[in-house]
Amino acid sequence: IFGVYVSPNRGEGKVAVDSAELIAD
């Protein structure tokens, strides 16, 4: 994994994060 990105808002770019939690389903 080169980078992990999230955004709380739809329709805009993501923000790079140090880590993120993947939640099943």
mmCIF file of all heavy atoms, coordinates in Angstrom:
data_MODEL
# 
_entry.id   MODEL 
# 
loop_
_atom_site.group_PDB 
_atom_site.id 
_atom_site.type_symbol 
_atom_site.label_atom_id 
_atom_site.label_alt_id 
_atom_site.label_comp_id 
_atom_site.label_asym_id 
_atom_site.label_entity_id 
_atom_site.label_seq_id 
_atom_site.pdbx_PDB_ins_code 
_atom_site.Cartn_x 
_atom_site.Cartn_y 
_atom_site.Cartn_z 
_atom_site.occupancy 
_atom_site.B_iso_or_equiv 
_atom_site.pdbx_formal_charge 
_atom_site.auth_seq_id 
_atom_site.auth_comp_id 
_atom_site.auth_asym_id 
_atom_site.auth_atom_id 
_atom_site.pdbx_PDB_model_num 
ATOM 1   N N   . ILE A 1 1  ? 0.867   -1.173 0.000  1.00 0.00 ? 1  ILE A N   1 
ATOM 2   C CA  . ILE A 1 1  ? 0.000   0.000  0.000  1.00 0.00 ? 1  ILE A CA  1 
ATOM 3   C C   . ILE A 1 1  ? 0.905   1.224  0.000  1.00 0.00 ? 1  ILE A C   1 
ATOM 4   O O   . ILE A 1 1  ? 1.740   1.398  0.887  1.00 0.00 ? 1  ILE A O   1 
ATOM 5   C CB  . ILE A 1 1  ? -0.931  0.009  1.232  1.00 0.00 ? 1  ILE A CB  1 
ATOM 6   C CG1 . ILE A 1 1  ? -1.882  -1.186 1.193  1.00 0.00 ? 1  ILE A CG1 1 
ATOM 7   C CG2 . ILE A 1 1  ? -1.703  1.324  1.311  1.00 0.00 ? 1  ILE A CG2 1 
ATOM 8   C CD1 . ILE A 1 1  ? -2.804  -1.235 -0.012 1.00 0.00 ? 1  ILE A CD1 1 
ATOM 9   N N   . PHE A 1 2  ? 0.773   2.051  -1.025 1.00 0.00 ? 2  PHE A N   1 
ATOM 10  C CA  . PHE A 1 2  ? 1.557   3.271  -1.155 1.00 0.00 ? 2  PHE A CA  1 
ATOM 11  C C   . PHE A 1 2  ? 0.980   4.376  -0.283 1.00 0.00 ? 2  PHE A C   1 
ATOM 12  O O   . PHE A 1 2  ? 1.711   5.133  0.343  1.00 0.00 ? 2  PHE A O   1 
ATOM 13  C CB  . PHE A 1 2  ? 1.582   3.712  -2.621 1.00 0.00 ? 2  PHE A CB  1 
ATOM 14  C CG  . PHE A 1 2  ? 2.348   4.981  -2.857 1.00 0.00 ? 2  PHE A CG  1 
ATOM 15  C CD1 . PHE A 1 2  ? 3.712   4.952  -3.029 1.00 0.00 ? 2  PHE A CD1 1 
ATOM 16  C CD2 . PHE A 1 2  ? 1.689   6.201  -2.902 1.00 0.00 ? 2  PHE A CD2 1 
ATOM 17  C CE1 . PHE A 1 2  ? 4.426   6.119  -3.248 1.00 0.00 ? 2  PHE A CE1 1 
ATOM 18  C CE2 . PHE A 1 2  ? 2.386   7.370  -3.118 1.00 0.00 ? 2  PHE A CE2 1 
ATOM 19  C CZ  . PHE A 1 2  ? 3.755   7.329  -3.286 1.00 0.00 ? 2  PHE A CZ  1 
ATOM 20  N N   . GLY A 1 3  ? -0.365  4.478  -0.252 1.00 0.00 ? 3  GLY A N   1 
ATOM 21  C CA  . GLY A 1 3  ? -1.010  5.517  0.532  1.00 0.00 ? 3  GLY A CA  1 
ATOM 22  C C   . GLY A 1 3  ? -2.431  5.147  0.907  1.00 0.00 ? 3  GLY A C   1 
ATOM 23  O O   . GLY A 1 3  ? -3.074  4.347  0.232  1.00 0.00 ? 3  GLY A O   1 
ATOM 24  N N   . VAL A 1 4  ? -2.913  5.747  2.010  1.00 0.00 ? 4  VAL A N   1 
ATOM 25  C CA  . VAL A 1 4  ? -4.263  5.517  2.521  1.00 0.00 ? 4  VAL A CA  1 
ATOM 26  C C   . VAL A 1 4  ? -4.940  6.886  2.609  1.00 0.00 ? 4  VAL A C   1 
ATOM 27  O O   . VAL A 1 4  ? -4.361  7.832  3.147  1.00 0.00 ? 4  VAL A O   1 
ATOM 28  C CB  . VAL A 1 4  ? -4.230  4.844  3.913  1.00 0.00 ? 4  VAL A CB  1 
ATOM 29  C CG1 . VAL A 1 4  ? -5.631  4.623  4.449  1.00 0.00 ? 4  VAL A CG1 1 
ATOM 30  C CG2 . VAL A 1 4  ? -3.457  3.531  3.860  1.00 0.00 ? 4  VAL A CG2 1 
ATOM 31  N N   . TYR A 1 5  ? -6.179  6.964  2.099  1.00 0.00 ? 5  TYR A N   1 
ATOM 32  C CA  . TYR A 1 5  ? -6.867  8.247  1.967  1.00 0.00 ? 5  TYR A CA  1 
ATOM 33  C C   . TYR A 1 5  ? -8.327  8.129  2.386  1.00 0.00 ? 5  TYR A C   1 
ATOM 34  O O   . TYR A 1 5  ? -8.999  7.163  2.041  1.00 0.00 ? 5  TYR A O   1 
ATOM 35  C CB  . TYR A 1 5  ? -6.787  8.737  0.508  1.00 0.00 ? 5  TYR A CB  1 
ATOM 36  C CG  . TYR A 1 5  ? -5.368  8.818  0.025  1.00 0.00 ? 5  TYR A CG  1 
ATOM 37  C CD1 . TYR A 1 5  ? -4.731  7.705  -0.514 1.00 0.00 ? 5  TYR A CD1 1 
ATOM 38  C CD2 . TYR A 1 5  ? -4.636  9.991  0.152  1.00 0.00 ? 5  TYR A CD2 1 
ATOM 39  C CE1 . TYR A 1 5  ? -3.408  7.764  -0.928 1.00 0.00 ? 5  TYR A CE1 1 
ATOM 40  C CE2 . TYR A 1 5  ? -3.316  10.057 -0.256 1.00 0.00 ? 5  TYR A CE2 1 
ATOM 41  C CZ  . TYR A 1 5  ? -2.700  8.941  -0.798 1.00 0.00 ? 5  TYR A CZ  1 
ATOM 42  O OH  . TYR A 1 5  ? -1.397  9.003  -1.195 1.00 0.00 ? 5  TYR A OH  1 
ATOM 43  N N   . VAL A 1 6  ? -8.815  9.125  3.112  1.00 0.00 ? 6  VAL A N   1 
ATOM 44  C CA  . VAL A 1 6  ? -10.219 9.171  3.525  1.00 0.00 ? 6  VAL A CA  1 
ATOM 45  C C   . VAL A 1 6  ? -10.737 10.606 3.400  1.00 0.00 ? 6  VAL A C   1 
ATOM 46  O O   . VAL A 1 6  ? -9.951  11.552 3.353  1.00 0.00 ? 6  VAL A O   1 
ATOM 47  C CB  . VAL A 1 6  ? -10.425 8.682  4.978  1.00 0.00 ? 6  VAL A CB  1 
ATOM 48  C CG1 . VAL A 1 6  ? -10.030 7.231  5.140  1.00 0.00 ? 6  VAL A CG1 1 
ATOM 49  C CG2 . VAL A 1 6  ? -9.688  9.551  5.969  1.00 0.00 ? 6  VAL A CG2 1 
ATOM 50  N N   . SER A 1 7  ? -12.055 10.723 3.364  1.00 0.00 ? 7  SER A N   1 
ATOM 51  C CA  . SER A 1 7  ? -12.699 12.035 3.390  1.00 0.00 ? 7  SER A CA  1 
ATOM 52  C C   . SER A 1 7  ? -14.078 11.887 3.999  1.00 0.00 ? 7  SER A C   1 
ATOM 53  O O   . SER A 1 7  ? -14.832 10.997 3.610  1.00 0.00 ? 7  SER A O   1 
ATOM 54  C CB  . SER A 1 7  ? -12.845 12.609 1.979  1.00 0.00 ? 7  SER A CB  1 
ATOM 55  O OG  . SER A 1 7  ? -13.560 13.832 2.032  1.00 0.00 ? 7  SER A OG  1 
ATOM 56  N N   . PRO A 1 8  ? -14.433 12.746 4.944  1.00 0.00 ? 8  PRO A N   1 
ATOM 57  C CA  . PRO A 1 8  ? -15.764 12.673 5.535  1.00 0.00 ? 8  PRO A CA  1 
ATOM 58  C C   . PRO A 1 8  ? -16.850 13.231 4.611  1.00 0.00 ? 8  PRO A C   1 
ATOM 59  O O   . PRO A 1 8  ? -18.025 13.062 4.872  1.00 0.00 ? 8  PRO A O   1 
ATOM 60  C CB  . PRO A 1 8  ? -15.635 13.512 6.810  1.00 0.00 ? 8  PRO A CB  1 
ATOM 61  C CG  . PRO A 1 8  ? -14.530 14.471 6.515  1.00 0.00 ? 8  PRO A CG  1 
ATOM 62  C CD  . PRO A 1 8  ? -13.594 13.752 5.587  1.00 0.00 ? 8  PRO A CD  1 
ATOM 63  N N   . ASN A 1 9  ? -16.451 13.896 3.527  1.00 0.00 ? 9  ASN A N   1 
ATOM 64  C CA  . ASN A 1 9  ? -17.416 14.532 2.629  1.00 0.00 ? 9  ASN A CA  1 
ATOM 65  C C   . ASN A 1 9  ? -17.320 13.968 1.216  1.00 0.00 ? 9  ASN A C   1 
ATOM 66  O O   . ASN A 1 9  ? -16.225 13.816 0.677  1.00 0.00 ? 9  ASN A O   1 
ATOM 67  C CB  . ASN A 1 9  ? -17.181 16.046 2.589  1.00 0.00 ? 9  ASN A CB  1 
ATOM 68  C CG  . ASN A 1 9  ? -17.277 16.667 3.953  1.00 0.00 ? 9  ASN A CG  1 
ATOM 69  O OD1 . ASN A 1 9  ? -18.234 16.441 4.684  1.00 0.00 ? 9  ASN A OD1 1 
ATOM 70  N ND2 . ASN A 1 9  ? -16.264 17.432 4.323  1.00 0.00 ? 9  ASN A ND2 1 
ATOM 71  N N   . ARG A 1 10 ? -18.481 13.688 0.628  1.00 0.00 ? 10 ARG A N   1 
ATOM 72  C CA  . ARG A 1 10 ? -18.535 13.207 -0.752 1.00 0.00 ? 10 ARG A CA  1 
ATOM 73  C C   . ARG A 1 10 ? -18.229 14.355 -1.707 1.00 0.00 ? 10 ARG A C   1 
ATOM 74  O O   . ARG A 1 10 ? -18.488 15.515 -1.411 1.00 0.00 ? 10 ARG A O   1 
ATOM 75  C CB  . ARG A 1 10 ? -19.914 12.641 -1.051 1.00 0.00 ? 10 ARG A CB  1 
ATOM 76  C CG  . ARG A 1 10 ? -20.222 11.386 -0.259 1.00 0.00 ? 10 ARG A CG  1 
ATOM 77  C CD  . ARG A 1 10 ? -21.591 10.877 -0.597 1.00 0.00 ? 10 ARG A CD  1 
ATOM 78  N NE  . ARG A 1 10 ? -21.558 10.310 -1.933 1.00 0.00 ? 10 ARG A NE  1 
ATOM 79  C CZ  . ARG A 1 10 ? -21.769 9.044  -2.210 1.00 0.00 ? 10 ARG A CZ  1 
ATOM 80  N NH1 . ARG A 1 10 ? -22.058 8.200  -1.251 1.00 0.00 ? 10 ARG A NH1 1 
ATOM 81  N NH2 . ARG A 1 10 ? -21.708 8.600  -3.442 1.00 0.00 ? 10 ARG A NH2 1 
ATOM 82  N N   . GLY A 1 11 ? -17.679 13.984 -2.867 1.00 0.00 ? 11 GLY A N   1 
ATOM 83  C CA  . GLY A 1 11 ? -17.477 14.972 -3.917 1.00 0.00 ? 11 GLY A CA  1 
ATOM 84  C C   . GLY A 1 11 ? -16.241 15.837 -3.765 1.00 0.00 ? 11 GLY A C   1 
ATOM 85  O O   . GLY A 1 11 ? -16.067 16.805 -4.487 1.00 0.00 ? 11 GLY A O   1 
ATOM 86  N N   . GLU A 1 12 ? -15.392 15.503 -2.827 1.00 0.00 ? 12 GLU A N   1 
ATOM 87  C CA  . GLU A 1 12 ? -14.143 16.258 -2.699 1.00 0.00 ? 12 GLU A CA  1 
ATOM 88  C C   . GLU A 1 12 ? -12.995 15.282 -2.554 1.00 0.00 ? 12 GLU A C   1 
ATOM 89  O O   . GLU A 1 12 ? -13.194 14.089 -2.353 1.00 0.00 ? 12 GLU A O   1 
ATOM 90  C CB  . GLU A 1 12 ? -14.198 17.235 -1.526 1.00 0.00 ? 12 GLU A CB  1 
ATOM 91  C CG  . GLU A 1 12 ? -14.479 16.613 -0.194 1.00 0.00 ? 12 GLU A CG  1 
ATOM 92  C CD  . GLU A 1 12 ? -14.620 17.662 0.908  1.00 0.00 ? 12 GLU A CD  1 
ATOM 93  O OE1 . GLU A 1 12 ? -15.413 18.594 0.744  1.00 0.00 ? 12 GLU A OE1 1 
ATOM 94  O OE2 . GLU A 1 12 ? -13.930 17.520 1.915  1.00 0.00 ? 12 GLU A OE2 1 
ATOM 95  N N   . GLY A 1 13 ? -11.792 15.783 -2.692 1.00 0.00 ? 13 GLY A N   1 
ATOM 96  C CA  . GLY A 1 13 ? -10.619 14.929 -2.591 1.00 0.00 ? 13 GLY A CA  1 
ATOM 97  C C   . GLY A 1 13 ? -10.500 14.296 -1.219 1.00 0.00 ? 13 GLY A C   1 
ATOM 98  O O   . GLY A 1 13 ? -11.185 14.672 -0.269 1.00 0.00 ? 13 GLY A O   1 
ATOM 99  N N   . LYS A 1 14 ? -9.628  13.326 -1.145 1.00 0.00 ? 14 LYS A N   1 
ATOM 100 C CA  . LYS A 1 14 ? -9.382  12.618 0.108  1.00 0.00 ? 14 LYS A CA  1 
ATOM 101 C C   . LYS A 1 14 ? -8.164  13.231 0.802  1.00 0.00 ? 14 LYS A C   1 
ATOM 102 O O   . LYS A 1 14 ? -7.410  13.993 0.206  1.00 0.00 ? 14 LYS A O   1 
ATOM 103 C CB  . LYS A 1 14 ? -9.119  11.140 -0.165 1.00 0.00 ? 14 LYS A CB  1 
ATOM 104 C CG  . LYS A 1 14 ? -10.192 10.458 -1.001 1.00 0.00 ? 14 LYS A CG  1 
ATOM 105 C CD  . LYS A 1 14 ? -11.235 9.842  -0.143 1.00 0.00 ? 14 LYS A CD  1 
ATOM 106 C CE  . LYS A 1 14 ? -12.227 9.050  -0.982 1.00 0.00 ? 14 LYS A CE  1 
ATOM 107 N NZ  . LYS A 1 14 ? -13.471 8.845  -0.309 1.00 0.00 ? 14 LYS A NZ  1 
ATOM 108 N N   . VAL A 1 15 ? -7.976  12.860 2.049  1.00 0.00 ? 15 VAL A N   1 
ATOM 109 C CA  . VAL A 1 15 ? -6.836  13.319 2.838  1.00 0.00 ? 15 VAL A CA  1 
ATOM 110 C C   . VAL A 1 15 ? -5.977  12.104 3.171  1.00 0.00 ? 15 VAL A C   1 
ATOM 111 O O   . VAL A 1 15 ? -6.496  11.064 3.592  1.00 0.00 ? 15 VAL A O   1 
ATOM 112 C CB  . VAL A 1 15 ? -7.314  14.006 4.140  1.00 0.00 ? 15 VAL A CB  1 
ATOM 113 C CG1 . VAL A 1 15 ? -6.147  14.393 5.023  1.00 0.00 ? 15 VAL A CG1 1 
ATOM 114 C CG2 . VAL A 1 15 ? -8.182  15.208 3.813  1.00 0.00 ? 15 VAL A CG2 1 
ATOM 115 N N   . ALA A 1 16 ? -4.672  12.236 2.984  1.00 0.00 ? 16 ALA A N   1 
ATOM 116 C CA  . ALA A 1 16 ? -3.754  11.153 3.339  1.00 0.00 ? 16 ALA A CA  1 
ATOM 117 C C   . ALA A 1 16 ? -3.742  10.980 4.849  1.00 0.00 ? 16 ALA A C   1 
ATOM 118 O O   . ALA A 1 16 ? -3.708  11.968 5.593  1.00 0.00 ? 16 ALA A O   1 
ATOM 119 C CB  . ALA A 1 16 ? -2.349  11.467 2.834  1.00 0.00 ? 16 ALA A CB  1 
ATOM 120 N N   . VAL A 1 17 ? -3.794  9.715  5.281  1.00 0.00 ? 17 VAL A N   1 
ATOM 121 C CA  . VAL A 1 17 ? -3.758  9.412  6.714  1.00 0.00 ? 17 VAL A CA  1 
ATOM 122 C C   . VAL A 1 17 ? -2.662  8.392  6.984  1.00 0.00 ? 17 VAL A C   1 
ATOM 123 O O   . VAL A 1 17 ? -2.260  7.642  6.094  1.00 0.00 ? 17 VAL A O   1 
ATOM 124 C CB  . VAL A 1 17 ? -5.127  8.901  7.231  1.00 0.00 ? 17 VAL A CB  1 
ATOM 125 C CG1 . VAL A 1 17 ? -6.182  9.994  7.126  1.00 0.00 ? 17 VAL A CG1 1 
ATOM 126 C CG2 . VAL A 1 17 ? -5.575  7.666  6.481  1.00 0.00 ? 17 VAL A CG2 1 
ATOM 127 N N   . ASP A 1 18 ? -2.172  8.375  8.235  1.00 0.00 ? 18 ASP A N   1 
ATOM 128 C CA  . ASP A 1 18 ? -1.131  7.435  8.626  1.00 0.00 ? 18 ASP A CA  1 
ATOM 129 C C   . ASP A 1 18 ? -1.654  6.006  8.687  1.00 0.00 ? 18 ASP A C   1 
ATOM 130 O O   . ASP A 1 18 ? -0.914  5.061  8.449  1.00 0.00 ? 18 ASP A O   1 
ATOM 131 C CB  . ASP A 1 18 ? -0.534  7.810  9.983  1.00 0.00 ? 18 ASP A CB  1 
ATOM 132 C CG  . ASP A 1 18 ? 0.254   9.106  9.915  1.00 0.00 ? 18 ASP A CG  1 
ATOM 133 O OD1 . ASP A 1 18 ? 0.790   9.433  8.845  1.00 0.00 ? 18 ASP A OD1 1 
ATOM 134 O OD2 . ASP A 1 18 ? 0.323   9.788  10.954 1.00 0.00 ? 18 ASP A OD2 1 
ATOM 135 N N   . SER A 1 19 ? -2.938  5.856  9.037  1.00 0.00 ? 19 SER A N   1 
ATOM 136 C CA  . SER A 1 19 ? -3.565  4.544  9.060  1.00 0.00 ? 19 SER A CA  1 
ATOM 137 C C   . SER A 1 19 ? -5.078  4.743  9.064  1.00 0.00 ? 19 SER A C   1 
ATOM 138 O O   . SER A 1 19 ? -5.559  5.834  9.365  1.00 0.00 ? 19 SER A O   1 
ATOM 139 C CB  . SER A 1 19 ? -3.134  3.727  10.281 1.00 0.00 ? 19 SER A CB  1 
ATOM 140 O OG  . SER A 1 19 ? -3.637  4.294  11.458 1.00 0.00 ? 19 SER A OG  1 
ATOM 141 N N   . ALA A 1 20 ? -5.787  3.681  8.709  1.00 0.00 ? 20 ALA A N   1 
ATOM 142 C CA  . ALA A 1 20 ? -7.251  3.733  8.724  1.00 0.00 ? 20 ALA A CA  1 
ATOM 143 C C   . ALA A 1 20 ? -7.775  2.353  9.088  1.00 0.00 ? 20 ALA A C   1 
ATOM 144 O O   . ALA A 1 20 ? -7.114  1.339  8.847  1.00 0.00 ? 20 ALA A O   1 
ATOM 145 C CB  . ALA A 1 20 ? -7.792  4.173  7.372  1.00 0.00 ? 20 ALA A CB  1 
ATOM 146 N N   . GLU A 1 21 ? -8.966  2.333  9.644  1.00 0.00 ? 21 GLU A N   1 
ATOM 147 C CA  . GLU A 1 21 ? -9.600  1.076  10.034 1.00 0.00 ? 21 GLU A CA  1 
ATOM 148 C C   . GLU A 1 21 ? -10.603 0.665  8.963  1.00 0.00 ? 21 GLU A C   1 
ATOM 149 O O   . GLU A 1 21 ? -11.528 1.412  8.651  1.00 0.00 ? 21 GLU A O   1 
ATOM 150 C CB  . GLU A 1 21 ? -10.304 1.244  11.381 1.00 0.00 ? 21 GLU A CB  1 
ATOM 151 C CG  . GLU A 1 21 ? -10.807 -0.032 11.977 1.00 0.00 ? 21 GLU A CG  1 
ATOM 152 C CD  . GLU A 1 21 ? -9.703  -0.986 12.424 1.00 0.00 ? 21 GLU A CD  1 
ATOM 153 O OE1 . GLU A 1 21 ? -8.584  -0.531 12.757 1.00 0.00 ? 21 GLU A OE1 1 
ATOM 154 O OE2 . GLU A 1 21 ? -9.975  -2.196 12.455 1.00 0.00 ? 21 GLU A OE2 1 
ATOM 155 N N   . LEU A 1 22 ? -10.379 -0.529 8.398  1.00 0.00 ? 22 LEU A N   1 
ATOM 156 C CA  . LEU A 1 22 ? -11.339 -1.099 7.461  1.00 0.00 ? 22 LEU A CA  1 
ATOM 157 C C   . LEU A 1 22 ? -12.341 -1.886 8.285  1.00 0.00 ? 22 LEU A C   1 
ATOM 158 O O   . LEU A 1 22 ? -11.960 -2.701 9.123  1.00 0.00 ? 22 LEU A O   1 
ATOM 159 C CB  . LEU A 1 22 ? -10.650 -2.027 6.457  1.00 0.00 ? 22 LEU A CB  1 
ATOM 160 C CG  . LEU A 1 22 ? -9.516  -1.442 5.618  1.00 0.00 ? 22 LEU A CG  1 
ATOM 161 C CD1 . LEU A 1 22 ? -9.076  -2.446 4.562  1.00 0.00 ? 22 LEU A CD1 1 
ATOM 162 C CD2 . LEU A 1 22 ? -9.905  -0.132 4.989  1.00 0.00 ? 22 LEU A CD2 1 
ATOM 163 N N   . ILE A 1 23 ? -13.618 -1.647 8.033  1.00 0.00 ? 23 ILE A N   1 
ATOM 164 C CA  . ILE A 1 23 ? -14.682 -2.302 8.796  1.00 0.00 ? 23 ILE A CA  1 
ATOM 165 C C   . ILE A 1 23 ? -15.438 -3.239 7.858  1.00 0.00 ? 23 ILE A C   1 
ATOM 166 O O   . ILE A 1 23 ? -15.946 -2.796 6.814  1.00 0.00 ? 23 ILE A O   1 
ATOM 167 C CB  . ILE A 1 23 ? -15.634 -1.261 9.411  1.00 0.00 ? 23 ILE A CB  1 
ATOM 168 C CG1 . ILE A 1 23 ? -14.831 -0.303 10.317 1.00 0.00 ? 23 ILE A CG1 1 
ATOM 169 C CG2 . ILE A 1 23 ? -16.762 -1.944 10.173 1.00 0.00 ? 23 ILE A CG2 1 
ATOM 170 C CD1 . ILE A 1 23 ? -15.599 0.903  10.780 1.00 0.00 ? 23 ILE A CD1 1 
ATOM 171 N N   . ALA A 1 24 ? -15.501 -4.519 8.211  1.00 0.00 ? 24 ALA A N   1 
ATOM 172 C CA  . ALA A 1 24 ? -16.144 -5.529 7.369  1.00 0.00 ? 24 ALA A CA  1 
ATOM 173 C C   . ALA A 1 24 ? -17.583 -5.126 7.052  1.00 0.00 ? 24 ALA A C   1 
ATOM 174 O O   . ALA A 1 24 ? -18.311 -4.626 7.910  1.00 0.00 ? 24 ALA A O   1 
ATOM 175 C CB  . ALA A 1 24 ? -16.115 -6.893 8.052  1.00 0.00 ? 24 ALA A CB  1 
ATOM 176 N N   . ASP A 1 25 ? -17.955 -5.346 5.799  1.00 0.00 ? 25 ASP A N   1 
ATOM 177 C CA  . ASP A 1 25 ? -19.311 -5.067 5.305  1.00 0.00 ? 25 ASP A CA  1 
ATOM 178 C C   . ASP A 1 25 ? -19.745 -3.618 5.505  1.00 0.00 ? 25 ASP A C   1 
ATOM 179 O O   . ASP A 1 25 ? -20.935 -3.322 5.571  1.00 0.00 ? 25 ASP A O   1 
ATOM 180 C CB  . ASP A 1 25 ? -20.340 -6.009 5.947  1.00 0.00 ? 25 ASP A CB  1 
ATOM 181 C CG  . ASP A 1 25 ? -20.095 -7.455 5.577  1.00 0.00 ? 25 ASP A CG  1 
ATOM 182 O OD1 . ASP A 1 25 ? -19.778 -7.727 4.403  1.00 0.00 ? 25 ASP A OD1 1 
ATOM 183 O OD2 . ASP A 1 25 ? -20.185 -8.309 6.469  1.00 0.00 ? 25 ASP A OD2 1 
# 
